[in-house]
Amino acid sequence: MKKVLPIVLLLFFVDVTAQGNDESRIRQAIEDFFMGFHAKDSVLMKQSVGEGVIVQTVGRTKEGEAILRTEDFDKFLKSIVSIPDSVDFQEKLLSVNIQFDGAMASAWTPYEFWYKGAFSHCGVNSFQLFKDKGEWKIIYLIDTRRREGCGK
């Protein structure tokens, strides 16, 4: 028993360290995406996503009904890059809740969006990530957007 306990403890700490490394790398992929987003840097944004990434938004029609919009990622990048430098915007993540199993991860990130220094809207981002050849990549991003119930 005395010989088994150190091995079990070692395996436990190796597993905890690996989980911590994965969690920090998942968080880094999301942070890199937003660094590129705020810098209007399509190269940095592309580096944080996987091939065929899907981008969707859950919103509301003028009548108040839920609507799901799918956006082509390249068009999304072009829209971000085309924002004039004089326009200040920031998406502030309020928290990041990460769960993962093997090569699949999910992150839930409530946010506030600020435009030209004023609060614009809030919502939640849901990221799905895949560990591709040891690197975490965003493969799916869906968000919600609303002006009510934002705690403002």
C-alpha atoms as a PDB file:
ATOM      1  CA  MET A   1       0.000   0.000   0.000  1.00  0.00           C
ATOM      2  CA  LYS A   2       2.847   2.386   0.832  1.00  0.00           C
ATOM      3  CA  LYS A   3       4.257   1.918  -2.674  1.00  0.00           C
ATOM      4  CA  VAL A   4       0.891   2.397  -4.416  1.00  0.00           C
ATOM      5  CA  LEU A   5      -0.064   5.664  -2.677  1.00  0.00           C
ATOM      6  CA  PRO A   6       2.775   7.769  -4.186  1.00  0.00           C
ATOM      7  CA  ILE A   7       1.924   6.486  -7.667  1.00  0.00           C
ATOM      8  CA  VAL A   8      -1.782   7.287  -7.221  1.00  0.00           C
ATOM      9  CA  LEU A   9      -0.917  10.770  -5.921  1.00  0.00           C
ATOM     10  CA  LEU A  10       1.470  11.367  -8.832  1.00  0.00           C
ATOM     11  CA  LEU A  11      -1.184  10.326 -11.365  1.00  0.00           C
ATOM     12  CA  PHE A  12      -3.726  12.569  -9.644  1.00  0.00           C
ATOM     13  CA  PHE A  13      -1.423  15.612  -9.812  1.00  0.00           C
ATOM     14  CA  VAL A  14      -0.473  14.904 -13.438  1.00  0.00           C
ATOM     15  CA  ASP A  15      -4.179  14.738 -14.331  1.00  0.00           C
ATOM     16  CA  VAL A  16      -4.965  17.963 -12.430  1.00  0.00           C
ATOM     17  CA  THR A  17      -2.037  19.735 -14.144  1.00  0.00           C
ATOM     18  CA  ALA A  18      -3.163  18.544 -17.590  1.00  0.00           C
ATOM     19  CA  GLN A  19      -6.702  19.746 -16.895  1.00  0.00           C
ATOM     20  CA  GLY A  20      -5.384  23.121 -15.749  1.00  0.00           C
ATOM     21  CA  ASN A  21      -3.276  23.418 -18.900  1.00  0.00           C
ATOM     22  CA  ASP A  22      -6.251  22.589 -21.121  1.00  0.00           C
ATOM     23  CA  GLU A  23      -8.477  25.056 -19.313  1.00  0.00           C
ATOM     24  CA  SER A  24      -5.910  27.840 -19.644  1.00  0.00           C
ATOM     25  CA  ARG A  25      -5.396  27.040 -23.340  1.00  0.00           C
ATOM     26  CA  ILE A  26      -9.144  27.068 -23.977  1.00  0.00           C
ATOM     27  CA  ARG A  27      -9.374  30.431 -22.216  1.00  0.00           C
ATOM     28  CA  GLN A  28      -6.389  31.673 -24.272  1.00  0.00           C
ATOM     29  CA  ALA A  29      -8.084  30.710 -27.562  1.00  0.00           C
ATOM     30  CA  ILE A  30     -11.109  32.805 -26.555  1.00  0.00           C
ATOM     31  CA  GLU A  31      -8.923  35.702 -25.383  1.00  0.00           C
ATOM     32  CA  ASP A  32      -6.964  35.591 -28.667  1.00  0.00           C
ATOM     33  CA  PHE A  33     -10.232  35.742 -30.589  1.00  0.00           C
ATOM     34  CA  PHE A  34     -11.273  38.868 -28.676  1.00  0.00           C
ATOM     35  CA  MET A  35      -7.817  40.451 -28.956  1.00  0.00           C
ATOM     36  CA  GLY A  36      -8.182  40.121 -32.715  1.00  0.00           C
ATOM     37  CA  PHE A  37     -11.788  41.320 -32.562  1.00  0.00           C
ATOM     38  CA  HIS A  38     -10.916  44.502 -30.650  1.00  0.00           C
ATOM     39  CA  ALA A  39      -7.813  45.148 -32.768  1.00  0.00           C
ATOM     40  CA  LYS A  40      -9.810  44.481 -35.971  1.00  0.00           C
ATOM     41  CA  ASP A  41      -7.109  41.908 -36.789  1.00  0.00           C
ATOM     42  CA  SER A  42      -8.566  39.221 -39.041  1.00  0.00           C
ATOM     43  CA  VAL A  43      -5.334  37.189 -38.961  1.00  0.00           C
ATOM     44  CA  LEU A  44      -5.419  36.821 -35.168  1.00  0.00           C
ATOM     45  CA  MET A  45      -9.116  36.002 -35.237  1.00  0.00           C
ATOM     46  CA  LYS A  46      -8.591  33.351 -37.935  1.00  0.00           C
ATOM     47  CA  GLN A  47      -5.772  31.766 -35.926  1.00  0.00           C
ATOM     48  CA  SER A  48      -8.133  31.131 -33.017  1.00  0.00           C
ATOM     49  CA  VAL A  49     -10.820  29.332 -35.039  1.00  0.00           C
ATOM     50  CA  GLY A  50     -11.006  25.982 -36.756  1.00  0.00           C
ATOM     51  CA  GLU A  51     -11.748  25.336 -40.380  1.00  0.00           C
ATOM     52  CA  GLY A  52     -15.433  25.737 -41.200  1.00  0.00           C
ATOM     53  CA  VAL A  53     -16.220  27.677 -38.024  1.00  0.00           C
ATOM     54  CA  ILE A  54     -19.927  28.425 -37.594  1.00  0.00           C
ATOM     55  CA  VAL A  55     -21.079  31.828 -36.304  1.00  0.00           C
ATOM     56  CA  GLN A  56     -24.697  32.387 -35.258  1.00  0.00           C
ATOM     57  CA  THR A  57     -26.737  34.936 -33.309  1.00  0.00           C
ATOM     58  CA  VAL A  58     -30.009  34.518 -31.466  1.00  0.00           C
ATOM     59  CA  GLY A  59     -31.987  37.736 -31.658  1.00  0.00           C
ATOM     60  CA  ARG A  60     -35.513  39.064 -31.888  1.00  0.00           C
ATOM     61  CA  THR A  61     -37.614  40.337 -34.752  1.00  0.00           C
ATOM     62  CA  LYS A  62     -39.396  43.695 -34.484  1.00  0.00           C
ATOM     63  CA  GLU A  63     -42.429  41.690 -33.388  1.00  0.00           C
ATOM     64  CA  GLY A  64     -40.434  40.172 -30.518  1.00  0.00           C
ATOM     65  CA  GLU A  65     -40.119  36.643 -31.870  1.00  0.00           C
ATOM     66  CA  ALA A  66     -36.855  34.729 -31.505  1.00  0.00           C
ATOM     67  CA  ILE A  67     -34.785  34.502 -34.664  1.00  0.00           C
ATOM     68  CA  LEU A  68     -31.590  32.589 -35.459  1.00  0.00           C
ATOM     69  CA  ARG A  69     -29.145  34.207 -37.885  1.00  0.00           C
ATOM     70  CA  THR A  70     -26.153  32.406 -39.372  1.00  0.00           C
ATOM     71  CA  GLU A  71     -23.269  34.556 -40.585  1.00  0.00           C
ATOM     72  CA  ASP A  72     -20.510  33.573 -42.989  1.00  0.00           C
ATOM     73  CA  PHE A  73     -17.252  33.842 -41.008  1.00  0.00           C
ATOM     74  CA  ASP A  74     -15.362  35.593 -43.818  1.00  0.00           C
ATOM     75  CA  LYS A  75     -18.125  38.213 -44.084  1.00  0.00           C
ATOM     76  CA  PHE A  76     -18.024  38.594 -40.296  1.00  0.00           C
ATOM     77  CA  LEU A  77     -14.258  39.225 -40.467  1.00  0.00           C
ATOM     78  CA  LYS A  78     -14.682  41.767 -43.271  1.00  0.00           C
ATOM     79  CA  SER A  79     -17.329  43.627 -41.257  1.00  0.00           C
ATOM     80  CA  ILE A  80     -15.023  43.832 -38.220  1.00  0.00           C
ATOM     81  CA  VAL A  81     -11.955  44.874 -40.236  1.00  0.00           C
ATOM     82  CA  SER A  82     -13.969  47.579 -42.036  1.00  0.00           C
ATOM     83  CA  ILE A  83     -14.908  49.385 -38.799  1.00  0.00           C
ATOM     84  CA  PRO A  84     -13.158  52.776 -38.868  1.00  0.00           C
ATOM     85  CA  ASP A  85     -10.352  53.308 -36.329  1.00  0.00           C
ATOM     86  CA  SER A  86     -12.305  56.267 -34.963  1.00  0.00           C
ATOM     87  CA  VAL A  87     -15.078  53.916 -33.774  1.00  0.00           C
ATOM     88  CA  ASP A  88     -14.436  52.609 -30.268  1.00  0.00           C
ATOM     89  CA  PHE A  89     -16.078  49.309 -29.295  1.00  0.00           C
ATOM     90  CA  GLN A  90     -15.460  46.693 -26.652  1.00  0.00           C
ATOM     91  CA  GLU A  91     -17.047  43.419 -25.679  1.00  0.00           C
ATOM     92  CA  LYS A  92     -16.407  42.931 -21.958  1.00  0.00           C
ATOM     93  CA  LEU A  93     -16.593  39.324 -20.819  1.00  0.00           C
ATOM     94  CA  LEU A  94     -18.139  39.183 -17.355  1.00  0.00           C
ATOM     95  CA  SER A  95     -17.104  35.590 -16.660  1.00  0.00           C
ATOM     96  CA  VAL A  96     -15.885  32.462 -18.437  1.00  0.00           C
ATOM     97  CA  ASN A  97     -17.286  29.052 -17.527  1.00  0.00           C
ATOM     98  CA  ILE A  98     -15.321  26.273 -19.235  1.00  0.00           C
ATOM     99  CA  GLN A  99     -16.166  22.586 -19.421  1.00  0.00           C
ATOM    100  CA  PHE A 100     -14.264  20.016 -21.422  1.00  0.00           C
ATOM    101  CA  ASP A 101     -13.896  16.332 -22.060  1.00  0.00           C
ATOM    102  CA  GLY A 102     -11.039  15.027 -24.136  1.00  0.00           C
ATOM    103  CA  ALA A 103     -10.794  17.055 -27.334  1.00  0.00           C
ATOM    104  CA  MET A 104     -14.149  18.842 -26.922  1.00  0.00           C
ATOM    105  CA  ALA A 105     -14.784  21.978 -24.881  1.00  0.00           C
ATOM    106  CA  SER A 106     -17.558  24.439 -24.213  1.00  0.00           C
ATOM    107  CA  ALA A 107     -17.295  27.950 -22.807  1.00  0.00           C
ATOM    108  CA  TRP A 108     -20.171  30.156 -21.619  1.00  0.00           C
ATOM    109  CA  THR A 109     -19.289  33.843 -21.458  1.00  0.00           C
ATOM    110  CA  PRO A 110     -21.833  36.474 -20.395  1.00  0.00           C
ATOM    111  CA  TYR A 111     -20.825  39.878 -21.787  1.00  0.00           C
ATOM    112  CA  GLU A 112     -21.572  43.577 -22.088  1.00  0.00           C
ATOM    113  CA  PHE A 113     -21.004  45.385 -25.374  1.00  0.00           C
ATOM    114  CA  TRP A 114     -19.877  49.006 -25.303  1.00  0.00           C
ATOM    115  CA  TYR A 115     -19.966  51.242 -28.390  1.00  0.00           C
ATOM    116  CA  LYS A 116     -18.308  54.665 -28.485  1.00  0.00           C
ATOM    117  CA  GLY A 117     -17.960  54.551 -24.699  1.00  0.00           C
ATOM    118  CA  ALA A 118     -21.666  53.891 -24.056  1.00  0.00           C
ATOM    119  CA  PHE A 119     -23.382  50.666 -23.067  1.00  0.00           C
ATOM    120  CA  SER A 120     -25.053  49.112 -26.124  1.00  0.00           C
ATOM    121  CA  HIS A 121     -26.307  45.635 -25.198  1.00  0.00           C
ATOM    122  CA  CYS A 122     -25.576  42.459 -23.277  1.00  0.00           C
ATOM    123  CA  GLY A 123     -25.884  38.736 -23.828  1.00  0.00           C
ATOM    124  CA  VAL A 124     -24.051  35.465 -23.673  1.00  0.00           C
ATOM    125  CA  ASN A 125     -21.525  33.859 -26.000  1.00  0.00           C
ATOM    126  CA  SER A 126     -21.420  30.083 -26.229  1.00  0.00           C
ATOM    127  CA  PHE A 127     -18.192  28.730 -27.689  1.00  0.00           C
ATOM    128  CA  GLN A 128     -17.604  25.156 -28.782  1.00  0.00           C
ATOM    129  CA  LEU A 129     -13.963  24.243 -29.197  1.00  0.00           C
ATOM    130  CA  PHE A 130     -12.046  21.298 -30.615  1.00  0.00           C
ATOM    131  CA  LYS A 131      -8.495  20.298 -29.690  1.00  0.00           C
ATOM    132  CA  ASP A 132      -6.934  19.947 -33.137  1.00  0.00           C
ATOM    133  CA  LYS A 133      -3.406  18.490 -33.087  1.00  0.00           C
ATOM    134  CA  GLY A 134      -2.913  19.746 -29.523  1.00  0.00           C
ATOM    135  CA  GLU A 135      -4.302  23.242 -30.181  1.00  0.00           C
ATOM    136  CA  TRP A 136      -7.729  24.434 -29.021  1.00  0.00           C
ATOM    137  CA  LYS A 137      -9.735  26.032 -31.845  1.00  0.00           C
ATOM    138  CA  ILE A 138     -13.173  27.640 -31.793  1.00  0.00           C
ATOM    139  CA  ILE A 139     -15.428  25.672 -34.129  1.00  0.00           C
ATOM    140  CA  TYR A 140     -18.792  27.178 -33.210  1.00  0.00           C
ATOM    141  CA  LEU A 141     -19.826  30.503 -31.738  1.00  0.00           C
ATOM    142  CA  ILE A 142     -23.387  31.502 -30.975  1.00  0.00           C
ATOM    143  CA  ASP A 143     -24.458  34.564 -29.019  1.00  0.00           C
ATOM    144  CA  THR A 144     -27.516  36.297 -27.705  1.00  0.00           C
ATOM    145  CA  ARG A 145     -28.079  40.048 -27.770  1.00  0.00           C
ATOM    146  CA  ARG A 146     -30.516  42.067 -25.717  1.00  0.00           C
ATOM    147  CA  ARG A 147     -30.940  45.505 -24.190  1.00  0.00           C
ATOM    148  CA  GLU A 148     -33.215  44.514 -21.294  1.00  0.00           C
ATOM    149  CA  GLY A 149     -32.225  42.557 -18.194  1.00  0.00           C
ATOM    150  CA  CYS A 150     -28.599  43.539 -18.418  1.00  0.00           C
ATOM    151  CA  GLY A 151     -28.188  44.697 -14.846  1.00  0.00           C
ATOM    152  CA  LYS A 152     -27.632  48.280 -15.934  1.00  0.00           C
END
